[in-house]
C-alpha cells in the first residue's frame, strides 16, 4: 500500500491518498502563522485505520514544518501522542518565548 501525502494550502490541510485513489484516505487540518503551525485535527477513513495513513500524514507535516523552520503546536491529541512516541520530533514543539507574567 503506497500512501502519498500532499499539502493543500488553500484548504489549510494535508491530505493522504492511497495507491493513487482520487478520494482522501485521511487529512490533517492546520493553522499556519509566520512562527508556527498548529495541527488541530487528524482524521483517517475507517477502512484505512491502523494501516499507517495517520503516521504518514503526521511525519510529512512535521518534516515540512522542520524544513520551513516553523515550530509546531500539536493541539490535536493524535499529533501530540505521535510526537510523544517519536522523540526525534520533540524539538519542533513550540514554546512561547514571552516573559510576560500576570
C-alpha atoms as a PDB file:
ATOM      1  CA  UNK A   1       0.000   0.000   0.000  1.00  0.00           C
ATOM      2  CA  UNK A   2       1.506   3.314  -1.110  1.00  0.00           C
ATOM      3  CA  UNK A   3       0.474   6.432   0.830  1.00  0.00           C
ATOM      4  CA  UNK A   4       1.008   9.806  -0.829  1.00  0.00           C
ATOM      5  CA  UNK A   5       0.653  12.917   1.336  1.00  0.00           C
ATOM      6  CA  UNK A   6       0.302  16.404  -0.098  1.00  0.00           C
ATOM      7  CA  UNK A   7      -0.241  19.858   1.339  1.00  0.00           C
ATOM      8  CA  UNK A   8      -3.423  21.598   0.192  1.00  0.00           C
ATOM      9  CA  UNK A   9      -2.760  25.131   1.468  1.00  0.00           C
ATOM     10  CA  UNK A  10      -5.974  26.622   0.080  1.00  0.00           C
ATOM     11  CA  UNK A  11      -7.869  24.206   2.370  1.00  0.00           C
ATOM     12  CA  UNK A  12      -5.368  24.508   5.280  1.00  0.00           C
ATOM     13  CA  UNK A  13      -4.770  20.777   5.370  1.00  0.00           C
ATOM     14  CA  UNK A  14      -2.655  17.840   4.340  1.00  0.00           C
ATOM     15  CA  UNK A  15      -4.374  15.002   2.515  1.00  0.00           C
ATOM     16  CA  UNK A  16      -3.315  11.373   2.192  1.00  0.00           C
ATOM     17  CA  UNK A  17      -4.213   9.235  -0.782  1.00  0.00           C
ATOM     18  CA  UNK A  18      -3.646   5.500  -1.003  1.00  0.00           C
ATOM     19  CA  UNK A  19      -2.476   3.785  -4.189  1.00  0.00           C
ATOM     20  CA  UNK A  20      -3.352   6.799  -6.356  1.00  0.00           C
ATOM     21  CA  UNK A  21      -7.043   6.876  -5.363  1.00  0.00           C
ATOM     22  CA  UNK A  22      -8.851  10.148  -6.053  1.00  0.00           C
ATOM     23  CA  UNK A  23     -10.503  10.319  -2.625  1.00  0.00           C
ATOM     24  CA  UNK A  24      -8.612  11.224   0.521  1.00  0.00           C
ATOM     25  CA  UNK A  25      -7.870   8.367   2.929  1.00  0.00           C
ATOM     26  CA  UNK A  26      -7.057  10.862   5.667  1.00  0.00           C
ATOM     27  CA  UNK A  27      -6.390  14.504   6.422  1.00  0.00           C
ATOM     28  CA  UNK A  28      -4.777  16.858   8.895  1.00  0.00           C
ATOM     29  CA  UNK A  29      -6.182  20.352   9.387  1.00  0.00           C
ATOM     30  CA  UNK A  30      -3.813  23.131  10.417  1.00  0.00           C
ATOM     31  CA  UNK A  31      -3.498  26.827  11.161  1.00  0.00           C
ATOM     32  CA  UNK A  32      -0.222  28.356   9.967  1.00  0.00           C
ATOM     33  CA  UNK A  33       1.414  31.582  11.146  1.00  0.00           C
ATOM     34  CA  UNK A  34       4.840  33.080  10.458  1.00  0.00           C
ATOM     35  CA  UNK A  35       6.248  31.288  13.535  1.00  0.00           C
ATOM     36  CA  UNK A  36       4.366  28.025  13.840  1.00  0.00           C
ATOM     37  CA  UNK A  37       1.868  25.517  12.561  1.00  0.00           C
ATOM     38  CA  UNK A  38      -0.960  24.434  14.861  1.00  0.00           C
ATOM     39  CA  UNK A  39      -2.218  20.972  13.962  1.00  0.00           C
ATOM     40  CA  UNK A  40      -5.818  20.947  15.111  1.00  0.00           C
ATOM     41  CA  UNK A  41      -7.476  17.824  13.712  1.00  0.00           C
ATOM     42  CA  UNK A  42      -6.463  14.480  12.216  1.00  0.00           C
ATOM     43  CA  UNK A  43      -8.918  12.160  10.535  1.00  0.00           C
ATOM     44  CA  UNK A  44      -8.411   8.784   8.834  1.00  0.00           C
ATOM     45  CA  UNK A  45     -11.181   6.948   6.976  1.00  0.00           C
ATOM     46  CA  UNK A  46     -12.224   3.825   8.905  1.00  0.00           C
ATOM     47  CA  UNK A  47     -11.107   1.460   6.130  1.00  0.00           C
ATOM     48  CA  UNK A  48      -7.535   2.817   6.429  1.00  0.00           C
ATOM     49  CA  UNK A  49      -7.210   2.947  10.224  1.00  0.00           C
ATOM     50  CA  UNK A  50      -4.223   1.035  11.562  1.00  0.00           C
ATOM     51  CA  UNK A  51      -2.526   0.939   8.154  1.00  0.00           C
ATOM     52  CA  UNK A  52      -0.041   3.807   8.543  1.00  0.00           C
ATOM     53  CA  UNK A  53      -2.061   6.603   6.943  1.00  0.00           C
ATOM     54  CA  UNK A  54      -2.146   8.731  10.113  1.00  0.00           C
ATOM     55  CA  UNK A  55       1.576   8.264  10.693  1.00  0.00           C
ATOM     56  CA  UNK A  56       2.348   9.230   7.089  1.00  0.00           C
ATOM     57  CA  UNK A  57       0.280  12.391   7.483  1.00  0.00           C
ATOM     58  CA  UNK A  58       1.980  13.396  10.730  1.00  0.00           C
ATOM     59  CA  UNK A  59       5.500  12.588   9.575  1.00  0.00           C
ATOM     60  CA  UNK A  60       5.089  14.550   6.319  1.00  0.00           C
ATOM     61  CA  UNK A  61       3.526  17.547   8.075  1.00  0.00           C
ATOM     62  CA  UNK A  62       6.266  17.621  10.728  1.00  0.00           C
ATOM     63  CA  UNK A  63       9.064  17.187   8.188  1.00  0.00           C
ATOM     64  CA  UNK A  64       7.695  20.099   6.163  1.00  0.00           C
ATOM     65  CA  UNK A  65       7.379  22.265   9.293  1.00  0.00           C
ATOM     66  CA  UNK A  66      11.012  21.484  10.116  1.00  0.00           C
ATOM     67  CA  UNK A  67      12.112  22.369   6.577  1.00  0.00           C
ATOM     68  CA  UNK A  68      10.255  25.697   6.811  1.00  0.00           C
ATOM     69  CA  UNK A  69      11.793  26.479  10.215  1.00  0.00           C
ATOM     70  CA  UNK A  70       8.385  26.518  11.920  1.00  0.00           C
ATOM     71  CA  UNK A  71       7.502  25.423  15.417  1.00  0.00           C
ATOM     72  CA  UNK A  72       4.632  23.016  15.917  1.00  0.00           C
ATOM     73  CA  UNK A  73       1.659  23.336  18.247  1.00  0.00           C
ATOM     74  CA  UNK A  74       0.111  19.849  18.464  1.00  0.00           C
ATOM     75  CA  UNK A  75      -3.389  20.637  19.743  1.00  0.00           C
ATOM     76  CA  UNK A  76      -4.750  17.503  18.076  1.00  0.00           C
ATOM     77  CA  UNK A  77      -4.443  14.555  20.502  1.00  0.00           C
ATOM     78  CA  UNK A  78      -3.265  12.234  17.722  1.00  0.00           C
ATOM     79  CA  UNK A  79      -0.414  14.622  16.837  1.00  0.00           C
ATOM     80  CA  UNK A  80       0.562  15.114  20.487  1.00  0.00           C
ATOM     81  CA  UNK A  81       0.607  11.359  21.111  1.00  0.00           C
ATOM     82  CA  UNK A  82       2.587  10.659  17.946  1.00  0.00           C
ATOM     83  CA  UNK A  83       5.245  13.225  18.875  1.00  0.00           C
ATOM     84  CA  UNK A  84       5.447  11.763  22.398  1.00  0.00           C
ATOM     85  CA  UNK A  85       6.258   8.361  20.839  1.00  0.00           C
ATOM     86  CA  UNK A  86       8.821   9.818  18.396  1.00  0.00           C
ATOM     87  CA  UNK A  87      11.359  11.842  20.402  1.00  0.00           C
ATOM     88  CA  UNK A  88      13.241  12.885  17.254  1.00  0.00           C
ATOM     89  CA  UNK A  89      10.380  15.347  16.600  1.00  0.00           C
ATOM     90  CA  UNK A  90      10.008  16.817  20.111  1.00  0.00           C
ATOM     91  CA  UNK A  91      12.339  19.694  19.300  1.00  0.00           C
ATOM     92  CA  UNK A  92       9.678  21.054  16.933  1.00  0.00           C
ATOM     93  CA  UNK A  93       7.104  21.614  19.678  1.00  0.00           C
ATOM     94  CA  UNK A  94       6.527  25.345  20.006  1.00  0.00           C
ATOM     95  CA  UNK A  95       7.433  27.023  23.254  1.00  0.00           C
ATOM     96  CA  UNK A  96       6.406  30.605  23.847  1.00  0.00           C
ATOM     97  CA  UNK A  97       9.330  32.941  24.315  1.00  0.00           C
ATOM     98  CA  UNK A  98       7.224  35.530  26.103  1.00  0.00           C
ATOM     99  CA  UNK A  99       8.387  36.578  29.545  1.00  0.00           C
ATOM    100  CA  UNK A 100       5.147  38.421  30.343  1.00  0.00           C
ATOM    101  CA  UNK A 101       3.526  37.358  33.606  1.00  0.00           C
ATOM    102  CA  UNK A 102       0.232  38.386  35.147  1.00  0.00           C
END
